[in-house]
C-alpha cells in the first residue's frame, strides 16, 4: 500500500529542517522549533502539517523579514537537476542526498507559506526568496497571494523571470499564475480576465523544457474553463507554422474543449465536421450493478469520398441524487476513417465508484460523440451494488 500523502511531512522532515537551519544560523533555537513543529504532528493531515511547520518557522526565524529570508536561502540544498528534456530528474522528496545537503522537498511548502505570510509587506524581497525556493521544490502555491494582493509588482517580476536561466523559475511563471491551480488559492481576477498572463504564455510556449511547456498547456486549459473562445482563437493562431513541440502543447491545452465538443476548437484542429456516414452503438447488456463494468461496441460506416479525421468520445449521463441526469465525457479514440471504410471499436466502461463521483441507481444514457456531435445513443439501468448476485 502506498504511503499516506500526509506523511510527506513527518517527524524526520522536522529534524532535517532543524538541522540545516541551525547549521546556517548559530542563534537558531532548534529545540523550540522542533518542539512546536512536532506537537501532535502525526494526528494532522498534510496541509495542517505544513501550516504547523510554518508556524514554527514564524516563531523561531529572525523577526526581520530580510534576515529570515537570508537564513532560509542559506539553508537550501542545491537546485534540482534537470534531464536533457528539461524535466526534473527527481522531484524533491526531502530525503536522500538532497536532504543531506540542505533544505529540500516538502518542508519547503511550509517555508513558502512562511514567506507568503510575512512577505506581503516586503514583496520584492519575498519574491527573491521564492525564486530560490522554487528551484528546490516549487513556489507555485506561495506566490499566489502576491499575485492577488500585489499584482503589478508580481506580474512585472514574472515577466522578467520568463527569460530566467532556470527552467524551475520559468515554470513558476506559468504554473504560479494559473487562474485555477488545483490546491492553490483561486486567482479570481485572472479567472475573470486572463489577459495579464497571456504575454507570459506567449513567451514560454516554445520553451526548450517540456516541464515548462506542460505548465503552459495546463494554464491554457485553466483559461478554457471560463473563456473557451479565447483559447480556440489562441490555438488557431499559434498552430500556424507550429513545431511538433508546440503542436503537442496546443493539443494538450485543447483537451477539455475537445472533450466538450467545442466547435471553434474542433475546427482549429480540422475536426469541425461530423461523421459523413452512419454510426451505431451496441451495449453488452442493459442492466448492470454499481461496481461492475459495461462493454459497448461502436460501428462506423463512412460514405464520404475522402478520409475523415475524427475524435470519437462518449458521454455517460449519470443519475444524480435528485434524479436528474448529469453528463460526463470520457475519452475514446482519435482516428482517420478512410473513404467507404467500415470500422468497429470496443470499449469497457467501469461503473466502480470513485472519490470524485458517487453513482446512483437509475436509468443511464450513453451518447457517442464524433467531433463533438451526438451520433448514437443507448440506455442501461444501473442497479444498486447488492442487487446482482
Protein backbone atom coordinates (compact mmCIF):
# COMPACT_ATOMS: atom_id res chain seq x y z
CA UNK A 1 0.00 0.00 0.00
CA UNK A 2 1.28 3.46 -0.90
CA UNK A 3 2.36 5.66 1.98
CA UNK A 4 -0.24 8.24 3.06
CA UNK A 5 0.29 11.60 1.37
CA UNK A 6 0.28 13.41 4.70
CA UNK A 7 3.46 11.56 5.70
CA UNK A 8 5.48 13.56 3.17
CA UNK A 9 5.84 15.96 6.09
CA UNK A 10 6.84 13.91 9.12
CA UNK A 11 8.99 13.95 12.23
CA UNK A 12 12.09 13.30 10.14
CA UNK A 13 11.21 16.28 7.93
CA UNK A 14 11.16 18.50 11.01
CA UNK A 15 14.52 17.17 12.25
CA UNK A 16 16.07 17.74 8.81
CA UNK A 17 14.82 21.32 8.73
CA UNK A 18 16.07 21.99 12.25
CA UNK A 19 19.50 20.60 11.42
CA UNK A 20 20.03 22.79 8.36
CA UNK A 21 18.64 25.97 9.90
CA UNK A 22 20.92 25.54 12.92
CA UNK A 23 23.84 24.85 10.57
CA UNK A 24 23.49 28.21 8.80
CA UNK A 25 22.36 30.33 11.78
CA UNK A 26 24.00 29.57 15.08
CA UNK A 27 21.38 31.54 17.03
CA UNK A 28 18.55 29.37 15.72
CA UNK A 29 16.54 27.80 18.56
CA UNK A 30 16.34 24.34 17.09
CA UNK A 31 14.82 22.80 20.20
CA UNK A 32 11.92 25.28 20.26
CA UNK A 33 11.34 24.92 16.52
CA UNK A 34 11.21 21.12 16.62
CA UNK A 35 9.01 21.04 19.72
CA UNK A 36 6.43 23.33 18.15
CA UNK A 37 6.56 21.71 14.72
CA UNK A 38 6.28 18.15 16.09
CA UNK A 39 3.49 18.68 18.60
CA UNK A 40 0.64 16.39 17.55
CA UNK A 41 2.03 16.34 14.01
CA UNK A 42 1.15 12.71 13.31
CA UNK A 43 -2.53 13.38 14.02
CA UNK A 44 -2.74 16.10 11.35
CA UNK A 45 -3.47 15.91 7.64
CA UNK A 46 -0.96 17.19 5.09
CA UNK A 47 -1.92 20.86 4.81
CA UNK A 48 -2.34 21.19 8.56
CA UNK A 49 1.14 19.69 8.99
CA UNK A 50 2.59 22.23 6.55
CA UNK A 51 0.88 25.09 8.36
CA UNK A 52 2.15 23.89 11.74
CA UNK A 53 5.74 23.78 10.46
CA UNK A 54 5.24 27.28 9.02
CA UNK A 55 4.01 28.43 12.44
CA UNK A 56 7.19 27.05 13.98
CA UNK A 57 9.33 28.85 11.40
CA UNK A 58 7.49 32.09 12.12
CA UNK A 59 8.19 31.69 15.84
CA UNK A 60 11.90 30.93 15.53
CA UNK A 61 13.32 32.66 12.43
CA UNK A 62 14.55 36.26 12.79
CA UNK A 63 11.84 38.90 13.26
CA UNK A 64 13.43 40.94 10.48
CA UNK A 65 11.99 39.54 7.23
CA UNK A 66 15.10 40.11 5.14
CA UNK A 67 17.21 38.29 7.75
CA UNK A 68 14.69 35.43 7.92
CA UNK A 69 14.81 35.00 4.14
CA UNK A 70 18.60 35.03 4.24
CA UNK A 71 18.58 32.15 6.74
CA UNK A 72 16.18 30.12 4.61
CA UNK A 73 18.19 30.75 1.44
CA UNK A 74 21.47 29.84 3.12
CA UNK A 75 19.98 26.55 4.29
CA UNK A 76 18.73 25.42 0.88
CA UNK A 77 20.03 22.34 -0.92
CA UNK A 78 21.43 22.78 -4.46
CA UNK A 79 18.80 23.29 -7.20
CA UNK A 80 17.08 20.18 -8.56
CA UNK A 81 18.85 18.76 -11.58
CA UNK A 82 17.12 18.58 -14.97
CA UNK A 83 17.45 15.95 -17.67
CA UNK A 84 18.05 16.61 -21.37
CA UNK A 85 14.34 17.34 -21.93
CA UNK A 86 14.32 19.88 -19.11
CA UNK A 87 12.39 17.61 -16.76
CA UNK A 88 13.31 17.37 -13.05
CA UNK A 89 15.44 14.26 -12.54
CA UNK A 90 13.86 13.65 -9.14
CA UNK A 91 11.14 15.87 -7.79
CA UNK A 92 12.13 16.90 -4.30
CA UNK A 93 11.21 14.32 -1.73
CA UNK A 94 13.12 15.75 1.20
CA UNK A 95 15.09 12.52 1.54
CA UNK A 96 18.37 11.11 0.42
CA UNK A 97 21.22 13.19 -0.99
CA UNK A 98 19.21 16.41 -1.34
CA UNK A 99 18.10 16.33 2.28
CA UNK A 100 21.68 15.75 3.39
CA UNK A 101 22.83 18.86 1.54
CA UNK A 102 20.20 21.30 2.71
CA UNK A 103 16.53 22.20 2.88
CA UNK A 104 14.64 20.39 0.15
CA UNK A 105 11.39 18.63 -0.57
CA UNK A 106 8.08 19.06 1.16
CA UNK A 107 9.32 21.13 4.08
CA UNK A 108 9.70 23.92 1.52
CA UNK A 109 5.91 24.01 1.18
CA UNK A 110 5.94 25.27 4.76
CA UNK A 111 8.83 27.64 4.02
CA UNK A 112 6.89 29.09 1.09
CA UNK A 113 3.85 29.59 3.30
CA UNK A 114 6.03 31.45 5.81
CA UNK A 115 7.27 33.75 3.02
CA UNK A 116 3.69 34.39 1.87
CA UNK A 117 2.57 35.23 5.41
CA UNK A 118 5.38 37.59 6.28
CA UNK A 119 6.34 38.89 2.86
CA UNK A 120 3.30 40.81 1.68
CA UNK A 121 4.79 43.95 3.19
CA UNK A 122 8.15 43.22 1.55
CA UNK A 123 7.12 41.99 -1.90
CA UNK A 124 10.40 42.35 -3.86
CA UNK A 125 12.39 40.60 -1.11
CA UNK A 126 9.78 37.86 -0.76
CA UNK A 127 9.85 37.15 -4.50
CA UNK A 128 13.64 36.80 -4.40
CA UNK A 129 13.22 34.13 -1.73
CA UNK A 130 10.53 32.32 -3.72
CA UNK A 131 12.84 32.43 -6.76
CA UNK A 132 15.32 30.40 -4.70
CA UNK A 133 12.76 28.04 -3.15
CA UNK A 134 11.13 27.09 -6.46
CA UNK A 135 14.44 25.72 -7.74
CA UNK A 136 14.44 23.14 -4.94
CA UNK A 137 10.73 22.32 -4.74
CA UNK A 138 8.04 24.69 -6.06
CA UNK A 139 6.70 28.09 -5.08
CA UNK A 140 3.55 27.84 -7.21
CA UNK A 141 1.29 27.99 -4.15
CA UNK A 142 3.27 30.57 -2.18
CA UNK A 143 3.39 33.13 -4.99
CA UNK A 144 -0.39 33.32 -5.41
CA UNK A 145 -1.12 35.73 -2.51
CA UNK A 146 1.38 38.13 -4.11
CA UNK A 147 -0.45 37.92 -7.45
CA UNK A 148 -3.69 38.58 -5.63
CA UNK A 149 -2.56 41.45 -3.41
CA UNK A 150 0.37 42.97 -5.33
CA UNK A 151 -0.40 42.07 -8.96
CA UNK A 152 1.54 44.83 -10.73
CA UNK A 153 4.86 44.17 -8.98
CA UNK A 154 4.46 40.41 -9.13
CA UNK A 155 3.48 40.28 -12.81
CA UNK A 156 6.37 42.57 -13.72
CA UNK A 157 8.68 40.17 -11.89
CA UNK A 158 7.20 37.16 -13.68
CA UNK A 159 7.77 38.91 -17.00
CA UNK A 160 11.50 39.10 -16.20
CA UNK A 161 11.55 35.54 -14.91
CA UNK A 162 10.13 34.26 -18.22
CA UNK A 163 13.71 34.58 -19.51
CA UNK A 164 15.38 33.17 -16.39
CA UNK A 165 18.14 30.58 -16.94
CA UNK A 166 16.37 28.14 -14.60
CA UNK A 167 13.55 26.02 -16.03
CA UNK A 168 12.17 25.78 -12.48
CA UNK A 169 11.74 29.55 -12.39
CA UNK A 170 10.29 29.73 -15.90
CA UNK A 171 7.78 27.06 -14.98
CA UNK A 172 6.80 29.07 -11.89
CA UNK A 173 5.92 31.98 -14.19
CA UNK A 174 3.20 29.86 -15.81
CA UNK A 175 2.23 27.49 -13.00
CA UNK A 176 2.08 30.06 -10.24
CA UNK A 177 -0.20 32.34 -12.26
CA UNK A 178 -2.69 29.65 -13.36
CA UNK A 179 -6.17 31.02 -12.60
CA UNK A 180 -7.47 27.73 -11.18
CA UNK A 181 -4.39 25.90 -9.93
CA UNK A 182 -5.50 22.72 -8.10
CA UNK A 183 -4.91 23.06 -4.34
CA UNK A 184 -3.97 26.70 -4.85
CA UNK A 185 -5.65 29.97 -3.98
CA UNK A 186 -8.02 30.80 -6.84
CA UNK A 187 -6.93 33.97 -8.62
CA UNK A 188 -10.40 35.33 -9.26
CA UNK A 189 -9.18 38.45 -11.09
CA UNK A 190 -7.39 36.21 -13.60
CA UNK A 191 -10.38 33.88 -13.81
CA UNK A 192 -12.44 36.87 -14.94
CA UNK A 193 -9.74 38.41 -17.16
CA UNK A 194 -6.76 36.22 -18.08
CA UNK A 195 -5.20 38.81 -20.40
CA UNK A 196 -2.38 39.80 -17.96
CA UNK A 197 -0.83 36.33 -18.22
CA UNK A 198 -1.17 35.86 -21.98
CA UNK A 199 2.16 37.60 -22.78
CA UNK A 200 3.85 35.24 -20.31
CA UNK A 201 2.36 32.18 -22.01
CA UNK A 202 3.33 33.50 -25.42
CA UNK A 203 6.93 33.89 -24.23
CA UNK A 204 7.01 30.36 -22.78
CA UNK A 205 5.03 28.18 -25.20
CA UNK A 206 8.18 27.35 -27.21
CA UNK A 207 10.38 26.89 -24.15
CA UNK A 208 13.14 24.30 -24.52
CA UNK A 209 11.91 22.50 -21.40
CA UNK A 210 8.99 20.08 -21.63
CA UNK A 211 8.47 20.79 -17.91
CA UNK A 212 7.71 24.44 -18.73
CA UNK A 213 5.65 23.73 -21.85
CA UNK A 214 3.40 21.31 -19.97
CA UNK A 215 2.64 24.05 -17.45
CA UNK A 216 1.73 26.45 -20.26
CA UNK A 217 -0.69 23.85 -21.66
CA UNK A 218 -2.30 23.39 -18.25
CA UNK A 219 -2.56 27.16 -17.82
CA UNK A 220 -4.36 27.49 -21.16
CA UNK A 221 -6.64 24.61 -20.18
CA UNK A 222 -7.49 26.54 -17.00
CA UNK A 223 -8.39 29.59 -19.08
CA UNK A 224 -10.55 27.43 -21.36
CA UNK A 225 -12.89 26.66 -18.47
CA UNK A 226 -14.03 30.30 -18.40
CA UNK A 227 -13.00 31.66 -21.82
CA UNK A 228 -13.26 28.80 -24.34
CA UNK A 229 -13.40 31.04 -27.40
CA UNK A 230 -10.21 32.83 -26.33
CA UNK A 231 -8.33 29.54 -26.19
CA UNK A 232 -9.82 28.42 -29.50
CA UNK A 233 -8.51 31.63 -31.09
CA UNK A 234 -5.12 31.07 -29.43
CA UNK A 235 -4.91 27.54 -30.86
CA UNK A 236 -5.97 28.70 -34.33
CA UNK A 237 -3.37 31.48 -34.33
CA UNK A 238 -0.47 29.53 -32.86
CA UNK A 239 -0.94 26.31 -34.82
CA UNK A 240 0.22 28.12 -37.93
CA UNK A 241 3.82 27.06 -38.56
CA UNK A 242 3.95 25.30 -35.18
CA UNK A 243 6.77 22.93 -34.31
CA UNK A 244 5.99 19.41 -33.12
CA UNK A 245 6.53 20.52 -29.51
CA UNK A 246 4.20 23.48 -29.81
CA UNK A 247 1.58 21.37 -31.58
CA UNK A 248 1.68 18.88 -28.69
CA UNK A 249 1.33 21.74 -26.21
CA UNK A 250 -1.68 23.20 -28.02
CA UNK A 251 -3.36 19.80 -28.25
CA UNK A 252 -2.90 19.28 -24.50
CA UNK A 253 -4.26 22.79 -23.89
CA UNK A 254 -7.31 21.92 -26.04
CA UNK A 255 -8.11 18.64 -24.33
CA UNK A 256 -11.09 19.79 -22.26
CA UNK A 257 -12.62 21.78 -25.11
CA UNK A 258 -12.25 18.85 -27.50
CA UNK A 259 -13.97 16.56 -24.99
CA UNK A 260 -16.77 19.10 -24.63
CA UNK A 261 -17.21 19.28 -28.39
CA UNK A 262 -16.42 23.00 -28.52
CA UNK A 263 -16.98 23.87 -32.17
CA UNK A 264 -14.29 26.55 -32.72
CA UNK A 265 -11.65 24.36 -31.06
CA UNK A 266 -12.62 21.33 -33.11
CA UNK A 267 -12.46 23.47 -36.24
CA UNK A 268 -8.97 24.65 -35.29
CA UNK A 269 -7.85 21.01 -35.34
CA UNK A 270 -9.69 20.18 -38.56
CA UNK A 271 -12.37 18.31 -36.66
CA UNK A 272 -15.27 20.67 -37.18
CA UNK A 273 -17.35 18.36 -39.37
CA UNK A 274 -19.41 15.48 -38.04
CA UNK A 275 -19.33 11.96 -39.43
CA UNK A 276 -20.26 11.64 -43.08
CA UNK A 277 -21.83 8.22 -42.86
CA UNK A 278 -23.53 6.15 -40.19
CA UNK A 279 -22.74 5.27 -36.59
CA UNK A 280 -24.32 2.79 -34.22
CA UNK A 281 -23.62 1.67 -30.67
CA UNK A 282 -24.48 -1.65 -29.03
CA UNK A 283 -24.28 -2.35 -25.29
CA UNK A 284 -23.25 -5.76 -23.97
CA UNK A 285 -26.18 -5.66 -21.54
CA UNK A 286 -28.87 -3.26 -20.37
CA UNK A 287 -28.77 -3.90 -16.62
CA UNK A 288 -25.54 -3.55 -14.65
CA UNK A 289 -24.75 -3.07 -10.96
CA UNK A 290 -22.66 -0.42 -9.28
CA UNK A 291 -19.11 -1.75 -9.07
CA UNK A 292 -19.29 -3.67 -12.36
CA UNK A 293 -18.36 -2.70 -15.92
CA UNK A 294 -20.30 -2.43 -19.13
CA UNK A 295 -18.89 -3.17 -22.59
CA UNK A 296 -20.09 -1.48 -25.73
CA UNK A 297 -19.34 -1.73 -29.42
CA UNK A 298 -19.29 1.14 -31.91
CA UNK A 299 -19.74 0.66 -35.64
CA UNK A 300 -18.70 3.42 -38.05
CA UNK A 301 -19.53 3.38 -41.76
CA UNK A 302 -18.13 6.13 -43.98
CA UNK A 303 -19.81 7.25 -47.18
CA UNK A 304 -17.55 10.25 -47.86
CA UNK A 305 -15.28 10.25 -50.93
CA UNK A 306 -12.26 11.22 -48.79
CA UNK A 307 -10.76 10.18 -45.45
CA UNK A 308 -12.26 11.77 -42.34
CA UNK A 309 -10.27 12.75 -39.25
CA UNK A 310 -12.28 12.36 -36.09
CA UNK A 311 -12.25 12.30 -32.33
CA UNK A 312 -14.68 9.69 -31.03
CA UNK A 313 -15.59 10.15 -27.35
CA UNK A 314 -18.60 9.15 -25.31
CA UNK A 315 -20.70 10.84 -22.64
CA UNK A 316 -22.33 8.95 -19.79
CA UNK A 317 -25.40 10.67 -18.37
CA UNK A 318 -25.20 9.74 -14.68
CA UNK A 319 -28.21 9.89 -12.41
CA UNK A 320 -27.75 12.47 -9.65
CA UNK A 321 -29.12 12.27 -6.11
CA UNK A 322 -32.16 14.38 -7.14
CA UNK A 323 -32.95 12.07 -10.07
CA UNK A 324 -31.74 14.39 -12.84
CA UNK A 325 -29.07 13.37 -15.35
CA UNK A 326 -25.56 14.85 -15.46
CA UNK A 327 -23.32 14.05 -18.46
CA UNK A 328 -19.61 13.37 -18.15
CA UNK A 329 -17.45 12.99 -21.26
CA UNK A 330 -14.85 10.18 -21.41
CA UNK A 331 -12.01 9.83 -23.88
CA UNK A 332 -12.49 7.28 -26.63
CA UNK A 333 -10.49 7.19 -29.86
CA UNK A 334 -8.71 9.50 -32.26
CA UNK A 335 -8.73 8.04 -35.77
CA UNK A 336 -8.87 8.54 -39.51
CA UNK A 337 -11.76 6.77 -41.22
CA UNK A 338 -10.97 6.04 -44.85
CA UNK A 339 -13.31 6.64 -47.77
CA UNK A 340 -16.01 3.97 -47.69
CA UNK A 341 -14.39 2.29 -44.68
CA UNK A 342 -16.32 0.38 -42.00
CA UNK A 343 -14.71 0.11 -38.59
CA UNK A 344 -15.70 -1.44 -35.26
CA UNK A 345 -14.46 -0.06 -31.92
CA UNK A 346 -14.71 -1.69 -28.50
CA UNK A 347 -14.74 -0.07 -25.07
CA UNK A 348 -15.21 -1.21 -21.47
CA UNK A 349 -16.57 1.41 -19.08
CA UNK A 350 -16.16 0.96 -15.34
CA UNK A 351 -19.06 1.73 -13.03
CA UNK A 352 -16.97 1.49 -9.90
CA UNK A 353 -17.49 4.48 -7.55
CA UNK A 354 -14.59 6.92 -7.26
CA UNK A 355 -13.87 9.63 -4.73
CA UNK A 356 -14.91 12.40 -7.14
CA UNK A 357 -18.17 10.82 -8.27
CA UNK A 358 -20.87 8.90 -6.42
CA UNK A 359 -23.00 6.59 -8.54
CA UNK A 360 -26.76 6.42 -8.02
CA UNK A 361 -29.06 3.67 -9.37
CA UNK A 362 -31.40 4.54 -12.20
CA UNK A 363 -31.71 4.78 -15.96
CA UNK A 364 -28.45 5.97 -17.53
CA UNK A 365 -27.69 7.04 -21.09
CA UNK A 366 -24.52 6.81 -23.19
CA UNK A 367 -24.04 9.20 -26.11
CA UNK A 368 -21.50 8.57 -28.84
CA UNK A 369 -19.75 11.84 -29.74
CA UNK A 370 -17.95 12.23 -33.07
CA UNK A 371 -16.15 15.56 -33.38
CA UNK A 372 -18.38 16.82 -30.60
CA UNK A 373 -21.67 15.79 -32.24
CA UNK A 374 -24.00 13.13 -30.83
CA UNK A 375 -24.19 10.37 -33.43
CA UNK A 376 -25.74 7.49 -31.48
CA UNK A 377 -27.20 6.79 -28.02
CA UNK A 378 -28.09 3.81 -25.85
CA UNK A 379 -29.53 3.31 -22.38
CA UNK A 380 -28.86 0.97 -19.46
CA UNK A 381 -30.21 0.60 -15.96
CA UNK A 382 -27.72 0.94 -13.12
CA UNK A 383 -28.69 -1.28 -10.18
CA UNK A 384 -27.59 -0.99 -6.54
CA UNK A 385 -24.40 -2.86 -5.75
CA UNK A 386 -26.20 -5.59 -3.79
CA UNK A 387 -28.93 -6.23 -6.37
CA UNK A 388 -26.95 -8.53 -8.71
CA UNK A 389 -25.78 -11.87 -7.35
